[in-house]
C-alpha atoms as a PDB file:
ATOM      1  CA  MET A   1      10.509  -7.209  17.086  1.00  0.00           C
ATOM      2  CA  ARG A   2      10.394 -10.827  15.789  1.00  0.00           C
ATOM      3  CA  ASP A   3       9.345 -12.407  18.963  1.00  0.00           C
ATOM      4  CA  GLN A   4       6.824  -9.542  19.945  1.00  0.00           C
ATOM      5  CA  PHE A   5       4.901  -9.788  16.515  1.00  0.00           C
ATOM      6  CA  ALA A   6       4.834 -13.579  15.949  1.00  0.00           C
ATOM      7  CA  GLY A   7       3.649 -14.246  19.463  1.00  0.00           C
ATOM      8  CA  SER A   8       0.934 -11.596  19.043  1.00  0.00           C
ATOM      9  CA  GLN A   9      -0.476 -13.129  15.904  1.00  0.00           C
ATOM     10  CA  LYS A  10      -1.235 -16.580  17.530  1.00  0.00           C
ATOM     11  CA  GLY A  11      -3.862 -14.730  19.584  1.00  0.00           C
ATOM     12  CA  GLU A  12      -5.336 -12.495  16.816  1.00  0.00           C
ATOM     13  CA  LEU A  13      -6.249 -15.625  14.724  1.00  0.00           C
ATOM     14  CA  ASP A  14      -8.445 -16.755  17.774  1.00  0.00           C
ATOM     15  CA  ARG A  15     -10.598 -13.818  17.611  1.00  0.00           C
ATOM     16  CA  SER A  16     -14.165 -14.057  15.898  1.00  0.00           C
ATOM     17  CA  SER A  17     -13.741 -10.830  13.827  1.00  0.00           C
ATOM     18  CA  PHE A  18     -11.650 -10.912  10.734  1.00  0.00           C
ATOM     19  CA  ARG A  19     -10.165  -7.873   8.923  1.00  0.00           C
ATOM     20  CA  PRO A  20      -8.808  -8.589   5.483  1.00  0.00           C
ATOM     21  CA  ASP A  21      -6.185  -5.635   5.649  1.00  0.00           C
ATOM     22  CA  ALA A  22      -4.774  -6.971   9.070  1.00  0.00           C
ATOM     23  CA  ALA A  23      -4.852 -10.602   7.712  1.00  0.00           C
ATOM     24  CA  ALA A  24      -2.954  -9.622   4.555  1.00  0.00           C
ATOM     25  CA  TRP A  25      -0.274  -7.458   6.352  1.00  0.00           C
ATOM     26  CA  ALA A  26       0.216 -10.209   9.125  1.00  0.00           C
ATOM     27  CA  ALA A  27       0.875 -12.786   6.569  1.00  0.00           C
ATOM     28  CA  MET A  28       3.421 -10.493   4.847  1.00  0.00           C
ATOM     29  CA  ALA A  29       4.975  -9.696   7.918  1.00  0.00           C
ATOM     30  CA  LEU A  30       5.329 -13.165   9.333  1.00  0.00           C
ATOM     31  CA  HIS A  31       6.503 -14.370   5.809  1.00  0.00           C
ATOM     32  CA  ALA A  32       9.187 -11.727   5.945  1.00  0.00           C
ATOM     33  CA  LEU A  33      10.138 -13.129   9.366  1.00  0.00           C
ATOM     34  CA  HIS A  34      10.189 -16.755   8.177  1.00  0.00           C
ATOM     35  CA  GLU A  35       7.824 -17.384  10.974  1.00  0.00           C
ATOM     36  CA  ASP A  36       5.328 -20.378  11.382  1.00  0.00           C
ATOM     37  CA  PRO A  37       3.918 -21.312   7.955  1.00  0.00           C
ATOM     38  CA  ASP A  38       0.742 -22.640   9.460  1.00  0.00           C
ATOM     39  CA  ILE A  39      -0.177 -19.176  10.949  1.00  0.00           C
ATOM     40  CA  ILE A  40       0.770 -17.612   7.612  1.00  0.00           C
ATOM     41  CA  ALA A  41      -1.339 -20.045   5.623  1.00  0.00           C
ATOM     42  CA  ALA A  42      -4.262 -19.523   8.022  1.00  0.00           C
ATOM     43  CA  CYS A  43      -4.023 -15.784   7.231  1.00  0.00           C
ATOM     44  CA  CYS A  44      -4.016 -16.486   3.463  1.00  0.00           C
ATOM     45  CA  ARG A  45      -6.878 -19.029   3.558  1.00  0.00           C
ATOM     46  CA  GLY A  46      -9.103 -16.345   5.453  1.00  0.00           C
ATOM     47  CA  LEU A  47      -8.485 -14.056   2.648  1.00  0.00           C
ATOM     48  CA  VAL A  48      -9.592 -16.802   0.135  1.00  0.00           C
ATOM     49  CA  ALA A  49     -12.818 -17.279   2.245  1.00  0.00           C
ATOM     50  CA  ALA A  50     -13.485 -13.600   2.086  1.00  0.00           C
ATOM     51  CA  GLN A  51     -12.988 -13.365  -1.495  1.00  0.00           C
ATOM     52  CA  ARG A  52     -16.101 -13.048  -3.577  1.00  0.00           C
ATOM     53  CA  SER A  53     -17.006 -14.808  -6.756  1.00  0.00           C
ATOM     54  CA  ASP A  54     -16.088 -11.969  -9.014  1.00  0.00           C
ATOM     55  CA  GLY A  55     -12.746 -11.912  -7.264  1.00  0.00           C
ATOM     56  CA  ARG A  56     -12.862  -8.912  -4.920  1.00  0.00           C
ATOM     57  CA  VAL A  57     -12.032  -8.866  -1.303  1.00  0.00           C
ATOM     58  CA  SER A  58     -14.184  -6.387   0.738  1.00  0.00           C
ATOM     59  CA  GLN A  59     -13.141  -4.963   4.053  1.00  0.00           C
ATOM     60  CA  ILE A  60     -16.598  -5.137   5.405  1.00  0.00           C
ATOM     61  CA  ALA A  61     -18.348  -8.444   4.311  1.00  0.00           C
ATOM     62  CA  GLU A  62     -21.827  -6.629   4.295  1.00  0.00           C
ATOM     63  CA  ARG A  63     -20.522  -3.929   2.083  1.00  0.00           C
ATOM     64  CA  PRO A  64     -19.081  -5.334  -0.967  1.00  0.00           C
ATOM     65  CA  GLN A  65     -18.319  -1.892  -2.539  1.00  0.00           C
ATOM     66  CA  THR A  66     -15.267  -1.685   0.193  1.00  0.00           C
ATOM     67  CA  TYR A  67     -13.096  -3.610  -2.137  1.00  0.00           C
ATOM     68  CA  TRP A  68      -9.835  -1.811  -1.605  1.00  0.00           C
ATOM     69  CA  PRO A  69      -8.089  -4.704   0.397  1.00  0.00           C
ATOM     70  CA  THR A  70      -8.364  -6.632  -2.964  1.00  0.00           C
ATOM     71  CA  ALA A  71      -4.791  -5.409  -3.666  1.00  0.00           C
ATOM     72  CA  LEU A  72      -3.589  -6.289  -0.145  1.00  0.00           C
ATOM     73  CA  ALA A  73      -4.838  -9.670  -0.360  1.00  0.00           C
ATOM     74  CA  LEU A  74      -3.062 -10.143  -3.781  1.00  0.00           C
ATOM     75  CA  MET A  75       0.091  -8.764  -2.447  1.00  0.00           C
ATOM     76  CA  ALA A  76      -0.157 -11.458   0.631  1.00  0.00           C
ATOM     77  CA  TRP A  77      -1.002 -14.343  -1.789  1.00  0.00           C
ATOM     78  CA  CYS A  78       1.938 -13.306  -4.331  1.00  0.00           C
ATOM     79  CA  SER A  79       4.619 -12.940  -1.386  1.00  0.00           C
ATOM     80  CA  VAL A  80       3.562 -16.306   0.233  1.00  0.00           C
ATOM     81  CA  GLY A  81       2.754 -18.199  -2.924  1.00  0.00           C
ATOM     82  CA  GLY A  82       0.517 -21.162  -3.654  1.00  0.00           C
ATOM     83  CA  PHE A  83      -2.727 -19.276  -4.236  1.00  0.00           C
ATOM     84  CA  GLU A  84      -2.950 -19.018  -7.895  1.00  0.00           C
ATOM     85  CA  GLU A  85      -6.642 -19.339  -8.500  1.00  0.00           C
ATOM     86  CA  ALA A  86      -7.249 -16.613  -5.944  1.00  0.00           C
ATOM     87  CA  ILE A  87      -4.573 -14.427  -7.510  1.00  0.00           C
ATOM     88  CA  GLN A  88      -5.983 -14.880 -10.918  1.00  0.00           C
ATOM     89  CA  ARG A  89      -9.621 -14.021  -9.782  1.00  0.00           C
ATOM     90  CA  GLY A  90      -8.455 -11.095  -7.741  1.00  0.00           C
ATOM     91  CA  SER A  91      -6.144  -9.572 -10.672  1.00  0.00           C
ATOM     92  CA  GLU A  92      -8.910  -9.988 -13.089  1.00  0.00           C
ATOM     93  CA  PHE A  93     -11.140  -8.049 -10.859  1.00  0.00           C
ATOM     94  CA  LEU A  94      -8.723  -5.135 -10.319  1.00  0.00           C
ATOM     95  CA  LEU A  95      -8.044  -5.080 -13.973  1.00  0.00           C
ATOM     96  CA  GLY A  96     -11.609  -4.842 -14.859  1.00  0.00           C
ATOM     97  CA  HIS A  97     -12.597  -2.032 -12.392  1.00  0.00           C
ATOM     98  CA  THR A  98     -11.814   1.614 -11.715  1.00  0.00           C
ATOM     99  CA  GLY A  99     -13.229   4.593  -9.953  1.00  0.00           C
ATOM    100  CA  GLN A 100     -15.528   6.996 -11.346  1.00  0.00           C
ATOM    101  CA  HIS A 101     -14.029   9.428 -13.846  1.00  0.00           C
ATOM    102  CA  TRP A 102     -14.925  12.676 -15.897  1.00  0.00           C
ATOM    103  CA  GLU A 103     -13.507  15.071 -18.240  1.00  0.00           C
ATOM    104  CA  LYS A 104     -11.897  18.117 -16.689  1.00  0.00           C
ATOM    105  CA  LYS A 105     -14.281  21.209 -17.100  1.00  0.00           C
ATOM    106  CA  PRO A 106     -12.894  24.732 -17.607  1.00  0.00           C
ATOM    107  CA  GLY A 107     -12.656  26.550 -14.265  1.00  0.00           C
ATOM    108  CA  SER A 108     -12.655  23.331 -12.214  1.00  0.00           C
ATOM    109  CA  ALA A 109     -11.831  23.883  -8.482  1.00  0.00           C
ATOM    110  CA  PHE A 110      -9.381  20.953  -8.586  1.00  0.00           C
ATOM    111  CA  GLY A 111      -5.854  20.944 -10.373  1.00  0.00           C
ATOM    112  CA  HIS A 112      -5.758  17.402 -11.048  1.00  0.00           C
ATOM    113  CA  ASP A 113      -7.137  15.692 -14.305  1.00  0.00           C
ATOM    114  CA  PRO A 114     -10.032  13.619 -13.112  1.00  0.00           C
ATOM    115  CA  SER A 115     -10.391  11.636 -16.388  1.00  0.00           C
ATOM    116  CA  ILE A 116      -7.158   9.743 -15.703  1.00  0.00           C
ATOM    117  CA  GLN A 117      -8.143   6.241 -14.428  1.00  0.00           C
ATOM    118  CA  GLY A 118      -6.888   4.679 -11.261  1.00  0.00           C
ATOM    119  CA  TRP A 119      -8.558   2.830  -8.391  1.00  0.00           C
ATOM    120  CA  PRO A 120     -10.926   4.044  -5.550  1.00  0.00           C
ATOM    121  CA  TRP A 121     -11.128   3.192  -1.912  1.00  0.00           C
ATOM    122  CA  ILE A 122     -14.932   2.260  -2.557  1.00  0.00           C
ATOM    123  CA  GLU A 123     -16.802   1.093  -5.533  1.00  0.00           C
ATOM    124  CA  GLU A 124     -18.433   4.063  -7.678  1.00  0.00           C
ATOM    125  CA  THR A 125     -16.231   6.825  -6.117  1.00  0.00           C
ATOM    126  CA  HIS A 126     -13.269   8.768  -7.593  1.00  0.00           C
ATOM    127  CA  SER A 127      -9.886   7.194  -7.664  1.00  0.00           C
ATOM    128  CA  TRP A 128      -7.305   8.404  -5.172  1.00  0.00           C
ATOM    129  CA  VAL A 129      -3.525   8.004  -4.708  1.00  0.00           C
ATOM    130  CA  GLU A 130      -3.078   5.195  -2.051  1.00  0.00           C
ATOM    131  CA  PRO A 131      -5.677   2.614  -3.475  1.00  0.00           C
ATOM    132  CA  THR A 132      -4.284   3.196  -6.971  1.00  0.00           C
ATOM    133  CA  ALA A 133      -0.729   2.582  -5.622  1.00  0.00           C
ATOM    134  CA  LEU A 134      -1.661  -0.356  -3.942  1.00  0.00           C
ATOM    135  CA  ALA A 135      -3.298  -1.812  -7.005  1.00  0.00           C
ATOM    136  CA  ILE A 136      -0.105  -0.945  -9.044  1.00  0.00           C
ATOM    137  CA  LEU A 137       1.985  -2.861  -6.567  1.00  0.00           C
ATOM    138  CA  ALA A 138      -0.411  -5.881  -6.470  1.00  0.00           C
ATOM    139  CA  LEU A 139      -0.840  -6.172 -10.308  1.00  0.00           C
ATOM    140  CA  GLN A 140       3.028  -5.803 -10.741  1.00  0.00           C
ATOM    141  CA  ALA A 141       3.504  -8.672  -8.186  1.00  0.00           C
ATOM    142  CA  CYS A 142       0.980 -10.905 -10.082  1.00  0.00           C
ATOM    143  CA  GLY A 143       2.752 -10.357 -13.330  1.00  0.00           C
ATOM    144  CA  HIS A 144       0.731  -7.617 -14.870  1.00  0.00           C
ATOM    145  CA  GLY A 145       3.203  -4.711 -14.736  1.00  0.00           C
ATOM    146  CA  ASP A 146       2.869  -4.067 -18.393  1.00  0.00           C
ATOM    147  CA  HIS A 147      -0.824  -4.072 -18.514  1.00  0.00           C
ATOM    148  CA  PRO A 148      -2.464  -0.932 -20.000  1.00  0.00           C
ATOM    149  CA  ARG A 149      -4.565  -0.449 -16.810  1.00  0.00           C
ATOM    150  CA  VAL A 150      -1.154  -0.220 -14.748  1.00  0.00           C
ATOM    151  CA  ALA A 151       0.204   2.148 -17.285  1.00  0.00           C
ATOM    152  CA  GLU A 152      -2.931   4.365 -16.618  1.00  0.00           C
ATOM    153  CA  GLY A 153      -2.481   4.164 -13.020  1.00  0.00           C
ATOM    154  CA  VAL A 154       1.103   5.125 -13.248  1.00  0.00           C
ATOM    155  CA  ARG A 155      -0.003   8.157 -15.325  1.00  0.00           C
ATOM    156  CA  MET A 156      -2.648   9.068 -12.778  1.00  0.00           C
ATOM    157  CA  LEU A 157      -0.126   9.102  -9.882  1.00  0.00           C
ATOM    158  CA  LEU A 158       2.282  11.212 -11.892  1.00  0.00           C
ATOM    159  CA  ASP A 159      -0.650  13.811 -12.506  1.00  0.00           C
ATOM    160  CA  ARG A 160      -1.390  13.743  -8.796  1.00  0.00           C
ATOM    161  CA  GLN A 161       2.230  14.663  -7.870  1.00  0.00           C
ATOM    162  CA  LEU A 162       2.601  18.068  -6.415  1.00  0.00           C
ATOM    163  CA  ALA A 163       4.481  20.561  -8.313  1.00  0.00           C
ATOM    164  CA  ASN A 164       7.013  20.996  -5.392  1.00  0.00           C
ATOM    165  CA  GLY A 165       7.254  17.217  -4.667  1.00  0.00           C
ATOM    166  CA  GLY A 166       5.341  14.730  -2.765  1.00  0.00           C
ATOM    167  CA  TRP A 167       1.696  13.466  -2.835  1.00  0.00           C
ATOM    168  CA  ASN A 168      -1.334  13.744  -0.349  1.00  0.00           C
ATOM    169  CA  TYR A 169      -4.566  11.763  -0.629  1.00  0.00           C
ATOM    170  CA  GLY A 170      -4.960  12.739  -4.387  1.00  0.00           C
ATOM    171  CA  ASN A 171      -5.581  16.501  -5.057  1.00  0.00           C
ATOM    172  CA  THR A 172      -2.853  18.963  -6.087  1.00  0.00           C
ATOM    173  CA  THR A 173      -4.575  22.199  -5.856  1.00  0.00           C
ATOM    174  CA  VAL A 174      -8.049  23.435  -4.641  1.00  0.00           C
ATOM    175  CA  PHE A 175      -9.359  26.750  -5.848  1.00  0.00           C
ATOM    176  CA  GLY A 176      -5.819  27.700  -6.919  1.00  0.00           C
ATOM    177  CA  ALA A 177      -4.270  26.863  -3.490  1.00  0.00           C
ATOM    178  CA  THR A 178      -1.554  24.257  -3.720  1.00  0.00           C
ATOM    179  CA  LEU A 179      -2.033  21.558  -0.987  1.00  0.00           C
ATOM    180  CA  LEU A 180       0.476  19.948   1.186  1.00  0.00           C
ATOM    181  CA  PRO A 181       2.219  16.472   0.842  1.00  0.00           C
ATOM    182  CA  ALA A 182       1.817  13.845   3.382  1.00  0.00           C
ATOM    183  CA  PRO A 183       4.833  11.341   3.832  1.00  0.00           C
ATOM    184  CA  GLU A 184       2.725   8.108   3.861  1.00  0.00           C
ATOM    185  CA  SER A 185       0.969   9.036   0.610  1.00  0.00           C
ATOM    186  CA  THR A 186       4.324   9.947  -0.880  1.00  0.00           C
ATOM    187  CA  GLY A 187       5.981   6.688   0.278  1.00  0.00           C
ATOM    188  CA  ILE A 188       3.184   4.518  -1.058  1.00  0.00           C
ATOM    189  CA  ALA A 189       3.151   6.363  -4.514  1.00  0.00           C
ATOM    190  CA  LEU A 190       6.964   6.359  -4.919  1.00  0.00           C
ATOM    191  CA  CYS A 191       6.921   2.543  -4.036  1.00  0.00           C
ATOM    192  CA  ALA A 192       4.492   1.906  -6.752  1.00  0.00           C
ATOM    193  CA  LEU A 193       6.297   4.104  -9.393  1.00  0.00           C
ATOM    194  CA  ALA A 194       9.471   2.452  -9.138  1.00  0.00           C
ATOM    195  CA  SER A 195      10.414   0.613 -12.462  1.00  0.00           C
ATOM    196  CA  HIS A 196       7.704   2.671 -14.092  1.00  0.00           C
ATOM    197  CA  THR A 197       9.327   6.085 -14.400  1.00  0.00           C
ATOM    198  CA  SER A 198      12.561   7.779 -14.401  1.00  0.00           C
ATOM    199  CA  PRO A 199      14.360   9.044 -11.257  1.00  0.00           C
ATOM    200  CA  GLY A 200      14.218  12.644 -12.548  1.00  0.00           C
ATOM    201  CA  THR A 201      10.447  12.617 -12.814  1.00  0.00           C
ATOM    202  CA  VAL A 202      10.105  11.984  -8.905  1.00  0.00           C
ATOM    203  CA  ALA A 203      13.212  13.866  -7.727  1.00  0.00           C
ATOM    204  CA  PRO A 204      11.260  16.465  -5.880  1.00  0.00           C
ATOM    205  CA  SER A 205       9.258  13.893  -4.338  1.00  0.00           C
ATOM    206  CA  LEU A 206      12.224  11.731  -3.197  1.00  0.00           C
ATOM    207  CA  ALA A 207      13.928  15.030  -1.839  1.00  0.00           C
ATOM    208  CA  TYR A 208      10.825  15.869   0.334  1.00  0.00           C
ATOM    209  CA  LEU A 209      10.604  12.404   1.828  1.00  0.00           C
ATOM    210  CA  GLN A 210      14.364  12.307   2.425  1.00  0.00           C
ATOM    211  CA  ASP A 211      14.128  15.443   4.453  1.00  0.00           C
ATOM    212  CA  SER A 212      10.923  14.339   6.180  1.00  0.00           C
ATOM    213  CA  VAL A 213      11.575  10.933   7.234  1.00  0.00           C
ATOM    214  CA  VAL A 214      14.336  12.146   9.647  1.00  0.00           C
ATOM    215  CA  THR A 215      11.800  13.230  12.291  1.00  0.00           C
ATOM    216  CA  ILE A 216       8.991  10.808  11.494  1.00  0.00           C
ATOM    217  CA  ARG A 217       8.195   8.296  14.301  1.00  0.00           C
ATOM    218  CA  SER A 218       4.578   7.333  13.695  1.00  0.00           C
ATOM    219  CA  PRO A 219       4.200   3.928  12.337  1.00  0.00           C
ATOM    220  CA  LEU A 220       2.103   4.438   9.129  1.00  0.00           C
ATOM    221  CA  SER A 221       4.248   7.361   7.989  1.00  0.00           C
ATOM    222  CA  LEU A 222       7.514   5.774   8.837  1.00  0.00           C
ATOM    223  CA  ALA A 223       6.772   2.415   7.232  1.00  0.00           C
ATOM    224  CA  TRP A 224       5.587   3.818   3.940  1.00  0.00           C
ATOM    225  CA  SER A 225       8.390   6.539   3.919  1.00  0.00           C
ATOM    226  CA  LEU A 226      10.921   3.451   4.110  1.00  0.00           C
ATOM    227  CA  PHE A 227       9.421   1.691   1.527  1.00  0.00           C
ATOM    228  CA  GLY A 228       9.217   4.440  -0.931  1.00  0.00           C
ATOM    229  CA  LEU A 229      12.795   5.445  -0.523  1.00  0.00           C
ATOM    230  CA  SER A 230      14.057   1.810  -0.548  1.00  0.00           C
ATOM    231  CA  ALA A 231      12.360   1.364  -3.946  1.00  0.00           C
ATOM    232  CA  TRP A 232      14.533   4.034  -5.420  1.00  0.00           C
ATOM    233  CA  SER A 233      17.718   2.875  -3.565  1.00  0.00           C
ATOM    234  CA  ALA A 234      17.480   5.911  -1.206  1.00  0.00           C
ATOM    235  CA  ALA A 235      16.817   4.195   2.076  1.00  0.00           C
ATOM    236  CA  PRO A 236      18.552   6.036   5.073  1.00  0.00           C
ATOM    237  CA  ARG A 237      21.213   3.809   6.965  1.00  0.00           C
ATOM    238  CA  GLN A 238      19.252   4.687  10.270  1.00  0.00           C
ATOM    239  CA  GLY A 239      15.935   3.117   9.108  1.00  0.00           C
ATOM    240  CA  CYS A 240      16.010   0.170  11.265  1.00  0.00           C
ATOM    241  CA  GLN A 241      16.821   1.984  14.332  1.00  0.00           C
ATOM    242  CA  TRP A 242      14.000   4.458  13.577  1.00  0.00           C
ATOM    243  CA  LEU A 243      11.633   1.466  13.316  1.00  0.00           C
ATOM    244  CA  LEU A 244      12.711   0.221  16.693  1.00  0.00           C
ATOM    245  CA  GLU A 245      12.243   3.693  18.186  1.00  0.00           C
ATOM    246  CA  CYS A 246       8.831   3.691  16.706  1.00  0.00           C
ATOM    247  CA  LEU A 247       7.777   0.501  18.282  1.00  0.00           C
ATOM    248  CA  GLU A 248       9.144   1.770  21.533  1.00  0.00           C
ATOM    249  CA  ARG A 249       6.422   4.438  21.686  1.00  0.00           C
ATOM    250  CA  GLN A 250       3.886   1.829  22.274  1.00  0.00           C
ATOM    251  CA  GLU A 251       5.000   1.931  25.831  1.00  0.00           C
ATOM    252  CA  ARG A 252       3.647   5.455  26.012  1.00  0.00           C
ATOM    253  CA  TYR A 253       0.836   5.482  23.552  1.00  0.00           C
ATOM    254  CA  GLY A 254      -0.468   2.005  23.826  1.00  0.00           C
ATOM    255  CA  ALA A 255      -0.295  -0.959  21.447  1.00  0.00           C
ATOM    256  CA  PHE A 256      -0.501  -0.175  17.756  1.00  0.00           C
ATOM    257  CA  SER A 257      -3.013  -2.044  15.505  1.00  0.00           C
ATOM    258  CA  THR A 258      -2.050  -5.247  13.880  1.00  0.00           C
ATOM    259  CA  VAL A 259      -1.914  -3.626  10.447  1.00  0.00           C
ATOM    260  CA  LEU A 260       0.566  -0.895  11.882  1.00  0.00           C
ATOM    261  CA  ARG A 261       2.897  -3.424  13.667  1.00  0.00           C
ATOM    262  CA  ALA A 262       2.859  -5.549  10.557  1.00  0.00           C
ATOM    263  CA  GLN A 263       3.900  -2.670   8.378  1.00  0.00           C
ATOM    264  CA  LEU A 264       6.903  -1.851  10.798  1.00  0.00           C
ATOM    265  CA  VAL A 265       7.861  -5.542  10.951  1.00  0.00           C
ATOM    266  CA  VAL A 266       7.985  -5.854   7.036  1.00  0.00           C
ATOM    267  CA  ALA A 267       9.985  -2.497   6.863  1.00  0.00           C
ATOM    268  CA  TRP A 268      12.477  -3.897   9.324  1.00  0.00           C
ATOM    269  CA  ALA A 269      12.786  -7.345   8.174  1.00  0.00           C
ATOM    270  CA  THR A 270      13.260  -6.311   4.528  1.00  0.00           C
ATOM    271  CA  ALA A 271      15.215  -3.224   5.260  1.00  0.00           C
ATOM    272  CA  GLY A 272      12.404  -1.309   3.705  1.00  0.00           C
ATOM    273  CA  ASP A 273      12.393  -3.332   0.503  1.00  0.00           C
ATOM    274  CA  LEU A 274       8.531  -4.115   0.120  1.00  0.00           C
ATOM    275  CA  ARG A 275       8.913  -4.877  -3.467  1.00  0.00           C
ATOM    276  CA  ARG A 276      11.447  -7.479  -3.005  1.00  0.00           C
ATOM    277  CA  LEU A 277       8.989  -9.280  -0.605  1.00  0.00           C
ATOM    278  CA  LEU A 278       6.339  -9.106  -3.246  1.00  0.00           C
ATOM    279  CA  ASN A 279       8.607 -10.302  -5.866  1.00  0.00           C
ATOM    280  CA  ALA A 280       7.680  -7.049  -7.891  1.00  0.00           C
END
C-alpha cells in the first residue's frame, strides 16, 4: 500500500488541475506514511495558494462559496505542521461562518432542529452532518476544541443522530418517516464527537457501525467507519485486512480517486486513528 500510493502522488502533482480536497488528503496520507517531505510540502503549499484573503479554501476557484474544503486544509496543515498563518486564517474563517438556520415551525416536515448551528457544504445553505463534523475535527486540531462554535456543532450532530443509532447526511425524520443511517456519515460524526460527549450518548450508533462494518468494502464507507470506531477505541482487529481487501477491488472496478485512496492509506497507516494524526 505504501509504495502504490506514494508513487502515484508524484504523477498527481504534475497535473495542471488542482483539487483542494485531494491535496489535503494526499498530504495527510503521505505524512502518515512518513514519505517524501517535499511532496507533502508541495501539497500543503498548493492549499496555501488556494486560500483566499478571508481564510477560506474553496473546492472550485471560480465558486468561492464552495468553502467546505477549508476544514480539510486545516486538517492537513495541522497534521504536517509549519503553516501557522494559514491555520490561523482558516480557523478564524470557520469560527466566523455557519450555514443558514431558522426556528423550527409547528408541523415541520423535518424532525431535526434547524436552529442549531453547524457548517454547510456551500455558503448560504443549511448545515449538514459531514461538513459540520469536518469543521469540528479541524478546529479541535487547531486548538479550538473548547470554542462555543464547536460546542454548538457538537449539539447539532447529537440532534441529527437517528433514534435507533447512526447518522445520514443530516435528516432524522421526514413527514414522520424515520430515515436510514449511512456508515460514512455515522463514522465521520462519531470521529468528530469523540472527547465531546459520553459513550452512552452514542452507544446505539457505535453498535450500528460495529455491525455494519463487517461487510463494508467500499473505500469511503470503510475508511470513515474505521475512523469513527477507532475514535471510541472500538476498532475491529480485522480492520487493516479489510482495507487491503478494499484496495484489491481496484483490479475489478478500476482505480479509486486520490481522495479515496488517501483515506484508505490514512486508515491503514494509523490503524484507523485519524485523530492521532491530527493531534486532536
